[in-house]
PDB file of N, CA and C in Angstrom:
ATOM      1  N   UNK A   1      -3.444  14.953  10.391  1.00  0.00           N
ATOM      2  CA  UNK A   1      -3.124  14.618   9.026  1.00  0.00           C
ATOM      3  C   UNK A   1      -4.320  14.921   8.149  1.00  0.00           C
ATOM      4  N   UNK A   2      -4.111  15.032   6.854  1.00  0.00           N
ATOM      5  CA  UNK A   2      -5.146  15.372   5.890  1.00  0.00           C
ATOM      6  C   UNK A   2      -6.129  14.225   5.725  1.00  0.00           C
ATOM      7  N   UNK A   3      -7.404  14.480   6.019  1.00  0.00           N
ATOM      8  CA  UNK A   3      -8.425  13.445   5.899  1.00  0.00           C
ATOM      9  C   UNK A   3      -8.740  13.090   4.453  1.00  0.00           C
ATOM     10  N   UNK A   4      -8.314  13.910   3.519  1.00  0.00           N
ATOM     11  CA  UNK A   4      -8.624  13.674   2.109  1.00  0.00           C
ATOM     12  C   UNK A   4      -7.454  13.062   1.356  1.00  0.00           C
ATOM     13  N   UNK A   5      -6.550  12.412   2.065  1.00  0.00           N
ATOM     14  CA  UNK A   5      -5.409  11.759   1.418  1.00  0.00           C
ATOM     15  C   UNK A   5      -5.883  10.700   0.446  1.00  0.00           C
ATOM     16  N   UNK A   6      -5.210  10.594  -0.671  1.00  0.00           N
ATOM     17  CA  UNK A   6      -5.440   9.502  -1.611  1.00  0.00           C
ATOM     18  C   UNK A   6      -4.092   9.025  -2.104  1.00  0.00           C
ATOM     19  N   UNK A   7      -4.079   7.845  -2.669  1.00  0.00           N
ATOM     20  CA  UNK A   7      -2.854   7.334  -3.253  1.00  0.00           C
ATOM     21  C   UNK A   7      -2.498   8.173  -4.463  1.00  0.00           C
ATOM     22  N   UNK A   8      -1.242   8.435  -4.655  1.00  0.00           N
ATOM     23  CA  UNK A   8      -0.791   9.248  -5.771  1.00  0.00           C
ATOM     24  C   UNK A   8      -0.097   8.386  -6.814  1.00  0.00           C
ATOM     25  N   UNK A   9      -0.617   8.442  -8.048  1.00  0.00           N
ATOM     26  CA  UNK A   9       0.017   7.676  -9.117  1.00  0.00           C
ATOM     27  C   UNK A   9       1.243   8.392  -9.655  1.00  0.00           C
ATOM     28  N   UNK A  10       1.455   9.648  -9.263  1.00  0.00           N
ATOM     29  CA  UNK A  10       2.615  10.382  -9.743  1.00  0.00           C
ATOM     30  C   UNK A  10       3.680  10.528  -8.656  1.00  0.00           C
ATOM     31  N   UNK A  11       3.611   9.689  -7.634  1.00  0.00           N
ATOM     32  CA  UNK A  11       4.530   9.797  -6.501  1.00  0.00           C
ATOM     33  C   UNK A  11       5.950   9.383  -6.856  1.00  0.00           C
ATOM     34  N   UNK A  12       6.127   8.736  -7.989  1.00  0.00           N
ATOM     35  CA  UNK A  12       7.440   8.207  -8.352  1.00  0.00           C
ATOM     36  C   UNK A  12       7.964   8.941  -9.587  1.00  0.00           C
ATOM     37  N   UNK A  13       9.216   9.315  -9.551  1.00  0.00           N
ATOM     38  CA  UNK A  13       9.812   9.998 -10.699  1.00  0.00           C
ATOM     39  C   UNK A  13      10.988   9.201 -11.237  1.00  0.00           C
ATOM     40  N   UNK A  14      10.848   7.912 -11.295  1.00  0.00           N
ATOM     41  CA  UNK A  14      11.924   7.041 -11.753  1.00  0.00           C
ATOM     42  C   UNK A  14      12.157   7.240 -13.246  1.00  0.00           C
ATOM     43  N   UNK A  15      13.380   7.536 -13.606  1.00  0.00           N
ATOM     44  CA  UNK A  15      13.711   7.707 -15.018  1.00  0.00           C
ATOM     45  C   UNK A  15      14.212   6.400 -15.616  1.00  0.00           C
ATOM     46  N   UNK A  16      14.870   5.572 -14.827  1.00  0.00           N
ATOM     47  CA  UNK A  16      15.357   4.298 -15.328  1.00  0.00           C
ATOM     48  C   UNK A  16      14.259   3.268 -15.170  1.00  0.00           C
ATOM     49  N   UNK A  17      13.962   2.566 -16.250  1.00  0.00           N
ATOM     50  CA  UNK A  17      12.866   1.604 -16.226  1.00  0.00           C
ATOM     51  C   UNK A  17      13.288   0.251 -15.669  1.00  0.00           C
ATOM     52  N   UNK A  18      14.548   0.085 -15.304  1.00  0.00           N
ATOM     53  CA  UNK A  18      15.004  -1.211 -14.786  1.00  0.00           C
ATOM     54  C   UNK A  18      15.315  -1.163 -13.295  1.00  0.00           C
ATOM     55  N   UNK A  19      14.897  -0.114 -12.604  1.00  0.00           N
ATOM     56  CA  UNK A  19      15.152   0.036 -11.173  1.00  0.00           C
ATOM     57  C   UNK A  19      13.926  -0.444 -10.402  1.00  0.00           C
ATOM     58  N   UNK A  20      14.108  -1.409  -9.494  1.00  0.00           N
ATOM     59  CA  UNK A  20      12.967  -1.888  -8.705  1.00  0.00           C
ATOM     60  C   UNK A  20      12.343  -0.771  -7.861  1.00  0.00           C
ATOM     61  N   UNK A  21      11.047  -0.827  -7.730  1.00  0.00           N
ATOM     62  CA  UNK A  21      10.301   0.114  -6.906  1.00  0.00           C
ATOM     63  C   UNK A  21       9.822  -0.618  -5.652  1.00  0.00           C
ATOM     64  N   UNK A  22      10.086  -0.039  -4.500  1.00  0.00           N
ATOM     65  CA  UNK A  22       9.629  -0.561  -3.216  1.00  0.00           C
ATOM     66  C   UNK A  22       8.470   0.328  -2.773  1.00  0.00           C
ATOM     67  N   UNK A  23       7.320  -0.280  -2.616  1.00  0.00           N
ATOM     68  CA  UNK A  23       6.093   0.430  -2.250  1.00  0.00           C
ATOM     69  C   UNK A  23       5.735   0.027  -0.831  1.00  0.00           C
ATOM     70  N   UNK A  24       5.653   1.002   0.060  1.00  0.00           N
ATOM     71  CA  UNK A  24       5.287   0.679   1.433  1.00  0.00           C
ATOM     72  C   UNK A  24       4.231   1.660   1.921  1.00  0.00           C
ATOM     73  N   UNK A  25       3.308   1.113   2.682  1.00  0.00           N
ATOM     74  CA  UNK A  25       2.247   1.915   3.275  1.00  0.00           C
ATOM     75  C   UNK A  25       2.138   1.503   4.740  1.00  0.00           C
ATOM     76  N   UNK A  26       2.225   2.479   5.628  1.00  0.00           N
ATOM     77  CA  UNK A  26       1.971   2.213   7.037  1.00  0.00           C
ATOM     78  C   UNK A  26       0.668   2.907   7.391  1.00  0.00           C
ATOM     79  N   UNK A  27      -0.106   2.281   8.280  1.00  0.00           N
ATOM     80  CA  UNK A  27      -1.441   2.825   8.504  1.00  0.00           C
ATOM     81  C   UNK A  27      -2.002   2.436   9.854  1.00  0.00           C
ATOM     82  N   UNK A  28      -3.101   3.088  10.187  1.00  0.00           N
ATOM     83  CA  UNK A  28      -3.867   2.793  11.388  1.00  0.00           C
ATOM     84  C   UNK A  28      -5.336   2.671  10.974  1.00  0.00           C
ATOM     85  N   UNK A  29      -6.008   1.658  11.527  1.00  0.00           N
ATOM     86  CA  UNK A  29      -7.422   1.461  11.227  1.00  0.00           C
ATOM     87  C   UNK A  29      -8.284   2.501  11.949  1.00  0.00           C
ATOM     88  N   UNK A  30      -9.477   2.690  11.432  1.00  0.00           N
ATOM     89  CA  UNK A  30     -10.456   3.526  12.122  1.00  0.00           C
ATOM     90  C   UNK A  30     -10.862   2.840  13.423  1.00  0.00           C
ATOM     91  N   UNK A  31     -11.234   3.649  14.403  1.00  0.00           N
ATOM     92  CA  UNK A  31     -11.671   3.119  15.695  1.00  0.00           C
ATOM     93  C   UNK A  31     -12.857   2.176  15.519  1.00  0.00           C
ATOM     94  N   UNK A  32     -12.884   1.141  16.349  1.00  0.00           N
ATOM     95  CA  UNK A  32     -14.018   0.242  16.381  1.00  0.00           C
ATOM     96  C   UNK A  32     -13.942  -0.945  15.440  1.00  0.00           C
ATOM     97  N   UNK A  33     -12.862  -1.061  14.673  1.00  0.00           N
ATOM     98  CA  UNK A  33     -12.735  -2.209  13.772  1.00  0.00           C
ATOM     99  C   UNK A  33     -12.538  -3.478  14.605  1.00  0.00           C
ATOM    100  N   UNK A  34     -13.304  -4.513  14.296  1.00  0.00           N
ATOM    101  CA  UNK A  34     -13.170  -5.785  14.993  1.00  0.00           C
ATOM    102  C   UNK A  34     -12.015  -6.591  14.401  1.00  0.00           C
ATOM    103  N   UNK A  35     -11.611  -7.626  15.106  1.00  0.00           N
ATOM    104  CA  UNK A  35     -10.553  -8.514  14.606  1.00  0.00           C
ATOM    105  C   UNK A  35     -10.981  -9.163  13.292  1.00  0.00           C
ATOM    106  N   UNK A  36     -12.250  -9.530  13.173  1.00  0.00           N
ATOM    107  CA  UNK A  36     -12.750 -10.141  11.939  1.00  0.00           C
ATOM    108  C   UNK A  36     -12.727  -9.144  10.784  1.00  0.00           C
ATOM    109  N   UNK A  37     -13.103  -7.905  11.035  1.00  0.00           N
ATOM    110  CA  UNK A  37     -13.056  -6.882   9.986  1.00  0.00           C
ATOM    111  C   UNK A  37     -11.618  -6.628   9.536  1.00  0.00           C
ATOM    112  N   UNK A  38     -10.692  -6.633  10.479  1.00  0.00           N
ATOM    113  CA  UNK A  38      -9.284  -6.462  10.125  1.00  0.00           C
ATOM    114  C   UNK A  38      -8.798  -7.640   9.286  1.00  0.00           C
ATOM    115  N   UNK A  39      -9.198  -8.850   9.649  1.00  0.00           N
ATOM    116  CA  UNK A  39      -8.794 -10.027   8.873  1.00  0.00           C
ATOM    117  C   UNK A  39      -9.366  -9.966   7.466  1.00  0.00           C
ATOM    118  N   UNK A  40     -10.610  -9.542   7.333  1.00  0.00           N
ATOM    119  CA  UNK A  40     -11.221  -9.375   6.004  1.00  0.00           C
ATOM    120  C   UNK A  40     -10.454  -8.344   5.185  1.00  0.00           C
ATOM    121  N   UNK A  41     -10.016  -7.274   5.828  1.00  0.00           N
ATOM    122  CA  UNK A  41      -9.220  -6.246   5.170  1.00  0.00           C
ATOM    123  C   UNK A  41      -7.920  -6.849   4.634  1.00  0.00           C
ATOM    124  N   UNK A  42      -7.213  -7.586   5.506  1.00  0.00           N
ATOM    125  CA  UNK A  42      -5.943  -8.177   5.088  1.00  0.00           C
ATOM    126  C   UNK A  42      -6.141  -9.237   4.003  1.00  0.00           C
ATOM    127  N   UNK A  43      -7.254  -9.963   4.046  1.00  0.00           N
ATOM    128  CA  UNK A  43      -7.564 -10.916   2.979  1.00  0.00           C
ATOM    129  C   UNK A  43      -7.747 -10.179   1.646  1.00  0.00           C
ATOM    130  N   UNK A  44      -8.426  -9.033   1.689  1.00  0.00           N
ATOM    131  CA  UNK A  44      -8.631  -8.239   0.476  1.00  0.00           C
ATOM    132  C   UNK A  44      -7.307  -7.679  -0.047  1.00  0.00           C
ATOM    133  N   UNK A  45      -6.430  -7.239   0.868  1.00  0.00           N
ATOM    134  CA  UNK A  45      -5.105  -6.751   0.468  1.00  0.00           C
ATOM    135  C   UNK A  45      -4.327  -7.872  -0.214  1.00  0.00           C
ATOM    136  N   UNK A  46      -4.379  -9.053   0.353  1.00  0.00           N
ATOM    137  CA  UNK A  46      -3.635 -10.191  -0.196  1.00  0.00           C
ATOM    138  C   UNK A  46      -4.061 -10.517  -1.622  1.00  0.00           C
ATOM    139  N   UNK A  47      -5.316 -10.299  -1.934  1.00  0.00           N
ATOM    140  CA  UNK A  47      -5.806 -10.565  -3.290  1.00  0.00           C
ATOM    141  C   UNK A  47      -5.164  -9.640  -4.320  1.00  0.00           C
ATOM    142  N   UNK A  48      -4.655  -8.496  -3.880  1.00  0.00           N
ATOM    143  CA  UNK A  48      -4.000  -7.575  -4.805  1.00  0.00           C
ATOM    144  C   UNK A  48      -2.711  -8.151  -5.370  1.00  0.00           C
ATOM    145  N   UNK A  49      -2.167  -9.173  -4.730  1.00  0.00           N
ATOM    146  CA  UNK A  49      -0.932  -9.793  -5.230  1.00  0.00           C
ATOM    147  C   UNK A  49      -1.154 -10.523  -6.541  1.00  0.00           C
ATOM    148  N   UNK A  50      -2.406 -10.754  -6.915  1.00  0.00           N
ATOM    149  CA  UNK A  50      -2.683 -11.408  -8.192  1.00  0.00           C
ATOM    150  C   UNK A  50      -2.553 -10.443  -9.369  1.00  0.00           C
ATOM    151  N   UNK A  51      -2.419  -9.159  -9.076  1.00  0.00           N
ATOM    152  CA  UNK A  51      -2.222  -8.173 -10.143  1.00  0.00           C
ATOM    153  C   UNK A  51      -0.813  -8.355 -10.696  1.00  0.00           C
ATOM    154  N   UNK A  52      -0.723  -8.448 -11.994  1.00  0.00           N
ATOM    155  CA  UNK A  52       0.552  -8.655 -12.670  1.00  0.00           C
ATOM    156  C   UNK A  52       1.555  -7.574 -12.268  1.00  0.00           C
ATOM    157  N   UNK A  53       2.753  -7.990 -11.886  1.00  0.00           N
ATOM    158  CA  UNK A  53       3.823  -7.056 -11.554  1.00  0.00           C
ATOM    159  C   UNK A  53       4.215  -7.048 -10.097  1.00  0.00           C
ATOM    160  N   UNK A  54       3.349  -7.554  -9.210  1.00  0.00           N
ATOM    161  CA  UNK A  54       3.692  -7.616  -7.783  1.00  0.00           C
ATOM    162  C   UNK A  54       4.688  -8.750  -7.601  1.00  0.00           C
ATOM    163  N   UNK A  55       5.923  -8.410  -7.200  1.00  0.00           N
ATOM    164  CA  UNK A  55       6.970  -9.420  -7.070  1.00  0.00           C
ATOM    165  C   UNK A  55       7.184  -9.886  -5.632  1.00  0.00           C
ATOM    166  N   UNK A  56       7.082  -8.985  -4.696  1.00  0.00           N
ATOM    167  CA  UNK A  56       7.218  -9.330  -3.278  1.00  0.00           C
ATOM    168  C   UNK A  56       6.072  -8.664  -2.536  1.00  0.00           C
ATOM    169  N   UNK A  57       5.639  -9.312  -1.449  1.00  0.00           N
ATOM    170  CA  UNK A  57       4.490  -8.793  -0.715  1.00  0.00           C
ATOM    171  C   UNK A  57       4.569  -9.232   0.732  1.00  0.00           C
ATOM    172  N   UNK A  58       4.359  -8.295   1.659  1.00  0.00           N
ATOM    173  CA  UNK A  58       4.327  -8.612   3.079  1.00  0.00           C
ATOM    174  C   UNK A  58       3.309  -7.727   3.781  1.00  0.00           C
ATOM    175  N   UNK A  59       2.623  -8.298   4.752  1.00  0.00           N
ATOM    176  CA  UNK A  59       1.795  -7.535   5.676  1.00  0.00           C
ATOM    177  C   UNK A  59       2.503  -7.608   7.022  1.00  0.00           C
ATOM    178  N   UNK A  60       2.702  -6.461   7.645  1.00  0.00           N
ATOM    179  CA  UNK A  60       3.489  -6.393   8.870  1.00  0.00           C
ATOM    180  C   UNK A  60       2.721  -5.701   9.984  1.00  0.00           C
ATOM    181  N   UNK A  61       3.023  -6.071  11.224  1.00  0.00           N
ATOM    182  CA  UNK A  61       2.432  -5.427  12.395  1.00  0.00           C
ATOM    183  C   UNK A  61       3.525  -4.647  13.119  1.00  0.00           C
ATOM    184  N   UNK A  62       3.231  -3.412  13.432  1.00  0.00           N
ATOM    185  CA  UNK A  62       4.158  -2.530  14.133  1.00  0.00           C
ATOM    186  C   UNK A  62       4.454  -3.085  15.529  1.00  0.00           C
ATOM    187  N   UNK A  63       5.718  -3.076  15.920  1.00  0.00           N
ATOM    188  CA  UNK A  63       6.096  -3.554  17.252  1.00  0.00           C
ATOM    189  C   UNK A  63       6.649  -2.441  18.134  1.00  0.00           C
ATOM    190  N   UNK A  64       6.844  -1.276  17.563  1.00  0.00           N
ATOM    191  CA  UNK A  64       7.410  -0.159  18.296  1.00  0.00           C
ATOM    192  C   UNK A  64       6.315   0.835  18.703  1.00  0.00           C
ATOM    193  N   UNK A  65       6.579   1.604  19.723  1.00  0.00           N
ATOM    194  CA  UNK A  65       5.652   2.654  20.144  1.00  0.00           C
ATOM    195  C   UNK A  65       6.131   4.033  19.667  1.00  0.00           C
ATOM    196  N   UNK A  66       7.058   4.058  18.717  1.00  0.00           N
ATOM    197  CA  UNK A  66       7.651   5.312  18.250  1.00  0.00           C
ATOM    198  C   UNK A  66       6.716   6.130  17.367  1.00  0.00           C
ATOM    199  N   UNK A  67       5.633   5.525  16.874  1.00  0.00           N
ATOM    200  CA  UNK A  67       4.667   6.270  16.084  1.00  0.00           C
ATOM    201  C   UNK A  67       3.288   5.655  16.274  1.00  0.00           C
ATOM    202  N   UNK A  68       2.276   6.290  15.733  1.00  0.00           N
ATOM    203  CA  UNK A  68       0.898   5.843  15.952  1.00  0.00           C
ATOM    204  C   UNK A  68       0.451   4.738  14.999  1.00  0.00           C
ATOM    205  N   UNK A  69       1.209   4.452  13.960  1.00  0.00           N
ATOM    206  CA  UNK A  69       0.781   3.487  12.956  1.00  0.00           C
ATOM    207  C   UNK A  69       0.872   2.061  13.491  1.00  0.00           C
ATOM    208  N   UNK A  70      -0.082   1.224  13.065  1.00  0.00           N
ATOM    209  CA  UNK A  70      -0.197  -0.135  13.590  1.00  0.00           C
ATOM    210  C   UNK A  70       0.303  -1.213  12.637  1.00  0.00           C
ATOM    211  N   UNK A  71       0.128  -1.008  11.341  1.00  0.00           N
ATOM    212  CA  UNK A  71       0.401  -2.054  10.356  1.00  0.00           C
ATOM    213  C   UNK A  71       1.142  -1.478   9.166  1.00  0.00           C
ATOM    214  N   UNK A  72       1.752  -2.373   8.405  1.00  0.00           N
ATOM    215  CA  UNK A  72       2.422  -1.981   7.185  1.00  0.00           C
ATOM    216  C   UNK A  72       2.182  -2.982   6.085  1.00  0.00           C
ATOM    217  N   UNK A  73       2.215  -2.500   4.866  1.00  0.00           N
ATOM    218  CA  UNK A  73       2.139  -3.344   3.681  1.00  0.00           C
ATOM    219  C   UNK A  73       3.358  -2.989   2.837  1.00  0.00           C
ATOM    220  N   UNK A  74       4.129  -4.001   2.474  1.00  0.00           N
ATOM    221  CA  UNK A  74       5.315  -3.802   1.641  1.00  0.00           C
ATOM    222  C   UNK A  74       5.149  -4.577   0.346  1.00  0.00           C
ATOM    223  N   UNK A  75       5.465  -3.924  -0.758  1.00  0.00           N
ATOM    224  CA  UNK A  75       5.425  -4.572  -2.066  1.00  0.00           C
ATOM    225  C   UNK A  75       6.663  -4.163  -2.846  1.00  0.00           C
ATOM    226  N   UNK A  76       7.057  -5.025  -3.755  1.00  0.00           N
ATOM    227  CA  UNK A  76       8.156  -4.687  -4.646  1.00  0.00           C
ATOM    228  C   UNK A  76       7.719  -4.955  -6.074  1.00  0.00           C
ATOM    229  N   UNK A  77       8.164  -4.058  -6.958  1.00  0.00           N
ATOM    230  CA  UNK A  77       7.856  -4.150  -8.378  1.00  0.00           C
ATOM    231  C   UNK A  77       9.159  -4.079  -9.166  1.00  0.00           C
ATOM    232  N   UNK A  78       9.190  -4.724 -10.308  1.00  0.00           N
ATOM    233  CA  UNK A  78      10.397  -4.787 -11.135  1.00  0.00           C
ATOM    234  C   UNK A  78      10.874  -3.396 -11.524  1.00  0.00           C
ATOM    235  N   UNK A  79       9.925  -2.510 -11.819  1.00  0.00           N
ATOM    236  CA  UNK A  79      10.274  -1.164 -12.269  1.00  0.00           C
ATOM    237  C   UNK A  79       9.062  -0.243 -12.109  1.00  0.00           C
ATOM    238  N   UNK A  80       9.239   1.008 -12.456  1.00  0.00           N
ATOM    239  CA  UNK A  80       8.173   1.996 -12.324  1.00  0.00           C
ATOM    240  C   UNK A  80       6.974   1.644 -13.211  1.00  0.00           C
ATOM    241  N   UNK A  81       7.225   1.114 -14.380  1.00  0.00           N
ATOM    242  CA  UNK A  81       6.132   0.727 -15.274  1.00  0.00           C
ATOM    243  C   UNK A  81       5.236  -0.331 -14.616  1.00  0.00           C
ATOM    244  N   UNK A  82       5.840  -1.323 -13.975  1.00  0.00           N
ATOM    245  CA  UNK A  82       5.067  -2.362 -13.279  1.00  0.00           C
ATOM    246  C   UNK A  82       4.298  -1.762 -12.107  1.00  0.00           C
ATOM    247  N   UNK A  83       4.930  -0.835 -11.385  1.00  0.00           N
ATOM    248  CA  UNK A  83       4.243  -0.189 -10.267  1.00  0.00           C
ATOM    249  C   UNK A  83       3.052   0.630 -10.759  1.00  0.00           C
ATOM    250  N   UNK A  84       3.245   1.391 -11.822  1.00  0.00           N
ATOM    251  CA  UNK A  84       2.148   2.205 -12.355  1.00  0.00           C
ATOM    252  C   UNK A  84       1.007   1.325 -12.861  1.00  0.00           C
ATOM    253  N   UNK A  85       1.349   0.192 -13.461  1.00  0.00           N
ATOM    254  CA  UNK A  85       0.306  -0.747 -13.907  1.00  0.00           C
ATOM    255  C   UNK A  85      -0.520  -1.206 -12.704  1.00  0.00           C
ATOM    256  N   UNK A  86       0.151  -1.590 -11.628  1.00  0.00           N
ATOM    257  CA  UNK A  86      -0.520  -2.011 -10.398  1.00  0.00           C
ATOM    258  C   UNK A  86      -1.361  -0.871  -9.821  1.00  0.00           C
ATOM    259  N   UNK A  87      -0.753   0.290  -9.694  1.00  0.00           N
ATOM    260  CA  UNK A  87      -1.403   1.420  -9.050  1.00  0.00           C
ATOM    261  C   UNK A  87      -2.692   1.837  -9.767  1.00  0.00           C
ATOM    262  N   UNK A  88      -2.715   1.684 -11.087  1.00  0.00           N
ATOM    263  CA  UNK A  88      -3.879   2.077 -11.883  1.00  0.00           C
ATOM    264  C   UNK A  88      -4.792   0.910 -12.240  1.00  0.00           C
ATOM    265  N   UNK A  89      -4.446  -0.284 -11.797  1.00  0.00           N
ATOM    266  CA  UNK A  89      -5.249  -1.466 -12.111  1.00  0.00           C
ATOM    267  C   UNK A  89      -6.638  -1.329 -11.472  1.00  0.00           C
ATOM    268  N   UNK A  90      -7.692  -1.728 -12.189  1.00  0.00           N
ATOM    269  CA  UNK A  90      -9.054  -1.601 -11.642  1.00  0.00           C
ATOM    270  C   UNK A  90      -9.263  -2.293 -10.298  1.00  0.00           C
ATOM    271  N   UNK A  91      -8.597  -3.421 -10.054  1.00  0.00           N
ATOM    272  CA  UNK A  91      -8.747  -4.108  -8.768  1.00  0.00           C
ATOM    273  C   UNK A  91      -8.147  -3.278  -7.624  1.00  0.00           C
ATOM    274  N   UNK A  92      -7.004  -2.639  -7.877  1.00  0.00           N
ATOM    275  CA  UNK A  92      -6.381  -1.788  -6.868  1.00  0.00           C
ATOM    276  C   UNK A  92      -7.229  -0.542  -6.629  1.00  0.00           C
ATOM    277  N   UNK A  93      -7.680   0.078  -7.690  1.00  0.00           N
ATOM    278  CA  UNK A  93      -8.515   1.275  -7.571  1.00  0.00           C
ATOM    279  C   UNK A  93      -9.793   0.953  -6.792  1.00  0.00           C
ATOM    280  N   UNK A  94     -10.419  -0.179  -7.094  1.00  0.00           N
ATOM    281  CA  UNK A  94     -11.641  -0.585  -6.380  1.00  0.00           C
ATOM    282  C   UNK A  94     -11.346  -0.852  -4.908  1.00  0.00           C
ATOM    283  N   UNK A  95     -10.216  -1.497  -4.610  1.00  0.00           N
ATOM    284  CA  UNK A  95      -9.835  -1.742  -3.219  1.00  0.00           C
ATOM    285  C   UNK A  95      -9.702  -0.424  -2.460  1.00  0.00           C
ATOM    286  N   UNK A  96      -9.017   0.535  -3.050  1.00  0.00           N
ATOM    287  CA  UNK A  96      -8.820   1.831  -2.395  1.00  0.00           C
ATOM    288  C   UNK A  96     -10.172   2.499  -2.135  1.00  0.00           C
ATOM    289  N   UNK A  97     -11.016   2.542  -3.149  1.00  0.00           N
ATOM    290  CA  UNK A  97     -12.304   3.235  -3.023  1.00  0.00           C
ATOM    291  C   UNK A  97     -13.281   2.521  -2.092  1.00  0.00           C
ATOM    292  N   UNK A  98     -13.354   1.207  -2.180  1.00  0.00           N
ATOM    293  CA  UNK A  98     -14.391   0.449  -1.481  1.00  0.00           C
ATOM    294  C   UNK A  98     -13.988  -0.094  -0.114  1.00  0.00           C
ATOM    295  N   UNK A  99     -12.692  -0.215   0.130  1.00  0.00           N
ATOM    296  CA  UNK A  99     -12.237  -0.804   1.396  1.00  0.00           C
ATOM    297  C   UNK A  99     -11.302   0.153   2.128  1.00  0.00           C
ATOM    298  N   UNK A 100     -10.199   0.513   1.497  1.00  0.00           N
ATOM    299  CA  UNK A 100      -9.168   1.318   2.150  1.00  0.00           C
ATOM    300  C   UNK A 100      -9.734   2.613   2.735  1.00  0.00           C
ATOM    301  N   UNK A 101     -10.389   3.410   1.917  1.00  0.00           N
ATOM    302  CA  UNK A 101     -10.875   4.715   2.380  1.00  0.00           C
ATOM    303  C   UNK A 101     -11.928   4.596   3.473  1.00  0.00           C
ATOM    304  N   UNK A 102     -12.631   3.484   3.521  1.00  0.00           N
ATOM    305  CA  UNK A 102     -13.672   3.284   4.521  1.00  0.00           C
ATOM    306  C   UNK A 102     -13.131   2.756   5.854  1.00  0.00           C
ATOM    307  N   UNK A 103     -11.959   2.109   5.823  1.00  0.00           N
ATOM    308  CA  UNK A 103     -11.476   1.433   7.024  1.00  0.00           C
ATOM    309  C   UNK A 103     -10.173   1.971   7.590  1.00  0.00           C
ATOM    310  N   UNK A 104      -9.448   2.765   6.826  1.00  0.00           N
ATOM    311  CA  UNK A 104      -8.157   3.276   7.281  1.00  0.00           C
ATOM    312  C   UNK A 104      -8.312   4.725   7.752  1.00  0.00           C
ATOM    313  N   UNK A 105      -7.856   4.969   8.973  1.00  0.00           N
ATOM    314  CA  UNK A 105      -7.945   6.309   9.572  1.00  0.00           C
ATOM    315  C   UNK A 105      -6.867   7.235   9.027  1.00  0.00           C
ATOM    316  N   UNK A 106      -5.622   6.746   8.988  1.00  0.00           N
ATOM    317  CA  UNK A 106      -4.499   7.566   8.547  1.00  0.00           C
ATOM    318  C   UNK A 106      -3.409   6.645   8.017  1.00  0.00           C
ATOM    319  N   UNK A 107      -2.584   7.189   7.122  1.00  0.00           N
ATOM    320  CA  UNK A 107      -1.517   6.375   6.544  1.00  0.00           C
ATOM    321  C   UNK A 107      -0.385   7.243   6.040  1.00  0.00           C
ATOM    322  N   UNK A 108       0.720   6.588   5.780  1.00  0.00           N
ATOM    323  CA  UNK A 108       1.876   7.193   5.144  1.00  0.00           C
ATOM    324  C   UNK A 108       2.320   6.231   4.049  1.00  0.00           C
ATOM    325  N   UNK A 109       2.395   6.737   2.834  1.00  0.00           N
ATOM    326  CA  UNK A 109       2.811   5.922   1.690  1.00  0.00           C
ATOM    327  C   UNK A 109       4.183   6.385   1.246  1.00  0.00           C
ATOM    328  N   UNK A 110       5.082   5.414   1.053  1.00  0.00           N
ATOM    329  CA  UNK A 110       6.432   5.722   0.567  1.00  0.00           C
ATOM    330  C   UNK A 110       6.726   4.793  -0.609  1.00  0.00           C
ATOM    331  N   UNK A 111       7.074   5.378  -1.727  1.00  0.00           N
ATOM    332  CA  UNK A 111       7.479   4.622  -2.914  1.00  0.00           C
ATOM    333  C   UNK A 111       8.919   5.044  -3.200  1.00  0.00           C
ATOM    334  N   UNK A 112       9.816   4.065  -3.191  1.00  0.00           N
ATOM    335  CA  UNK A 112      11.218   4.430  -3.297  1.00  0.00           C
ATOM    336  C   UNK A 112      11.993   3.404  -4.092  1.00  0.00           C
ATOM    337  N   UNK A 113      13.222   3.817  -4.483  1.00  0.00           N
ATOM    338  CA  UNK A 113      14.131   2.964  -5.239  1.00  0.00           C
ATOM    339  C   UNK A 113      15.512   3.027  -4.604  1.00  0.00           C
ATOM    340  N   UNK A 114      16.303   2.003  -4.838  1.00  0.00           N
ATOM    341  CA  UNK A 114      17.665   1.973  -4.309  1.00  0.00           C
ATOM    342  C   UNK A 114      18.492   3.070  -4.967  1.00  0.00           C
ATOM    343  N   UNK A 115      19.409   3.629  -4.220  1.00  0.00           N
ATOM    344  CA  UNK A 115      20.233   4.726  -4.737  1.00  0.00           C
ATOM    345  C   UNK A 115      21.556   4.252  -5.328  1.00  0.00           C
ATOM    346  N   UNK A 116      21.848   2.998  -5.198  1.00  0.00           N
ATOM    347  CA  UNK A 116      23.154   2.621  -5.725  1.00  0.00           C
ATOM    348  C   UNK A 116      23.262   1.209  -6.132  1.00  0.00           C
TER     349      UNK A 116
END
């Protein structure tokens, strides 16, 4: 996978402003992370829920061996505007730059909306 991956603020093309956005990221930590470092990471992720617009939030652990990813983060936003506010918020940007990029080996980000 591309080592220079970054979060994309243009990943969503929602035209309706009243459609909820489901933001999910699955990832694997870099080798050598301790249990305490992982807990600190998840504590930092949890603090992102204080950003206005985060409506639902879950941290999940992978239980299947169907892929290499270990954990997931799920968030829901009222609409694309709320998601973009979160995505560009200084606390989120700082988290990505100072924690995420240093501790996450690989990830897959999916931002989606219901089709019906």
